[in-house]
Amino acid sequence: MAQLVVEQVQQGANVDRVRGRPKGCTFDQFNGQHTLVSNGKGDVVLVENWLLEIKELLEVLGCTNTQRVSFATFKLQGDAKRWWLSKRLLLSQELGQQPITWERFQQEFLDGVCESK
């Protein structure tokens, strides 16, 4: 699973043409941080706290929109991971070739995972 996330992000990585460096952050930079994982269980505050922690880390690392969605969803486990896999399929059908934005992921995550609480 980790390799799949890395490959997806590497394929979609933007390059800073002026400096020749990739924009965003690497999977190793993100995954090297000791962040919480979310299984979708617990109260709404725990789920919101998880999202806030991940959001802050992604901002500090300067991750791109595509990286934010891929990296955050990599940290989902159990019920939350199963929810995301089915939601991602539905969103892909709805959006076609358009990527799932970070803003849309956050909205869907809070609505989907917290509504069952």
Protein backbone atom coordinates (compact mmCIF):
# COMPACT_ATOMS: atom_id res chain seq x y z
CA MET A 1 0.00 0.00 0.00
CA ALA A 2 2.80 2.42 0.89
CA GLN A 3 4.51 1.74 -2.43
CA LEU A 4 1.28 2.49 -4.31
CA VAL A 5 0.94 5.85 -2.56
CA VAL A 6 4.57 6.70 -3.31
CA GLU A 7 4.19 5.80 -7.00
CA GLN A 8 0.98 7.82 -7.38
CA VAL A 9 2.55 10.89 -5.86
CA GLN A 10 5.78 10.54 -7.84
CA GLN A 11 3.83 10.29 -11.09
CA GLY A 12 1.83 13.40 -10.27
CA ALA A 13 4.64 15.42 -8.73
CA ASN A 14 4.99 18.97 -9.99
CA VAL A 15 8.47 20.22 -10.68
CA ASP A 16 9.67 23.72 -9.97
CA ARG A 17 11.02 24.50 -13.45
CA VAL A 18 13.16 27.39 -12.21
CA ARG A 19 15.03 25.44 -9.55
CA GLY A 20 14.53 21.92 -10.95
CA ARG A 21 13.28 20.60 -7.61
CA PRO A 22 10.03 18.77 -7.02
CA LYS A 23 7.27 20.84 -5.46
CA GLY A 24 5.66 19.55 -2.33
CA CYS A 25 7.07 16.99 0.05
CA THR A 26 8.18 13.40 -0.17
CA PHE A 27 6.35 10.40 1.24
CA ASP A 28 9.37 9.68 3.45
CA GLN A 29 9.19 13.20 4.92
CA PHE A 30 5.52 12.74 5.69
CA ASN A 31 5.63 9.15 6.89
CA GLY A 32 8.72 9.83 9.00
CA GLN A 33 6.61 11.98 11.29
CA HIS A 34 4.94 10.22 14.17
CA THR A 35 1.35 11.08 13.40
CA LEU A 36 -1.78 9.48 14.68
CA VAL A 37 -3.68 7.06 12.52
CA SER A 38 -7.45 7.19 12.34
CA ASN A 39 -9.63 4.12 12.37
CA GLY A 40 -12.81 6.20 12.41
CA LYS A 41 -13.66 5.01 15.91
CA GLY A 42 -13.91 7.18 18.97
CA ASP A 43 -15.77 10.38 19.42
CA VAL A 44 -16.09 13.23 16.96
CA VAL A 45 -13.46 15.29 18.79
CA LEU A 46 -10.83 12.55 18.28
CA VAL A 47 -11.61 12.41 14.56
CA GLU A 48 -11.45 16.20 14.26
CA ASN A 49 -8.17 16.27 16.21
CA TRP A 50 -6.69 13.68 13.86
CA LEU A 51 -7.64 15.79 10.85
CA LEU A 52 -6.20 18.95 12.44
CA GLU A 53 -2.90 17.20 13.19
CA ILE A 54 -2.61 15.79 9.67
CA LYS A 55 -3.59 19.14 8.13
CA GLU A 56 -0.93 20.99 10.12
CA LEU A 57 1.77 18.49 9.18
CA LEU A 58 0.88 18.65 5.49
CA GLU A 59 1.02 22.46 5.59
CA VAL A 60 4.38 22.53 7.39
CA LEU A 61 5.87 20.07 4.89
CA GLY A 62 4.47 22.07 1.95
CA CYS A 63 2.69 19.08 0.41
CA THR A 64 0.75 19.58 -2.81
CA ASN A 65 -3.02 19.06 -3.01
CA THR A 66 -2.60 15.59 -4.52
CA GLN A 67 -0.05 14.64 -1.89
CA ARG A 68 -2.31 15.85 0.91
CA VAL A 69 -5.15 13.53 -0.08
CA SER A 70 -2.87 10.55 -0.79
CA PHE A 71 -0.79 10.93 2.34
CA ALA A 72 -3.69 11.61 4.72
CA THR A 73 -5.69 8.66 3.45
CA PHE A 74 -2.63 6.43 3.84
CA LYS A 75 -2.95 7.04 7.60
CA LEU A 76 -6.52 5.70 7.70
CA GLN A 77 -7.10 2.24 9.14
CA GLY A 78 -9.95 -0.19 9.71
CA ASP A 79 -13.44 1.23 9.27
CA ALA A 80 -12.09 4.61 8.17
CA LYS A 81 -9.95 2.97 5.46
CA ARG A 82 -12.91 0.92 4.21
CA TRP A 83 -15.07 4.04 4.19
CA TRP A 84 -12.45 5.92 2.15
CA LEU A 85 -12.01 3.15 -0.42
CA SER A 86 -15.74 3.15 -1.19
CA LYS A 87 -16.01 6.97 -1.04
CA ARG A 88 -13.02 7.39 -3.36
CA LEU A 89 -14.70 5.14 -5.92
CA LEU A 90 -17.91 7.20 -5.76
CA LEU A 91 -16.01 10.49 -6.00
CA SER A 92 -13.98 9.23 -8.95
CA GLN A 93 -17.20 8.40 -10.78
CA GLU A 94 -18.61 11.82 -9.93
CA LEU A 95 -15.50 13.84 -10.76
CA GLY A 96 -14.22 11.88 -13.74
CA GLN A 97 -10.65 12.96 -14.51
CA GLN A 98 -10.65 15.79 -11.95
CA PRO A 99 -8.62 15.03 -8.82
CA ILE A 100 -10.22 14.90 -5.40
CA THR A 101 -9.21 18.16 -3.76
CA TRP A 102 -7.95 18.44 -0.20
CA GLU A 103 -10.94 20.61 0.68
CA ARG A 104 -13.36 18.02 -0.70
CA PHE A 105 -11.60 15.21 1.16
CA GLN A 106 -11.86 17.08 4.47
CA GLN A 107 -15.55 17.77 3.94
CA GLU A 108 -16.31 14.17 2.94
CA PHE A 109 -14.18 12.78 5.78
CA LEU A 110 -15.90 14.79 8.48
CA ASP A 111 -19.35 14.15 7.01
CA GLY A 112 -18.77 10.45 6.41
CA VAL A 113 -16.81 9.40 9.47
CA CYS A 114 -18.49 11.72 11.98
CA GLU A 115 -22.06 11.15 10.81
CA SER A 116 -21.92 7.58 12.10
CA LYS A 117 -21.07 8.83 15.59
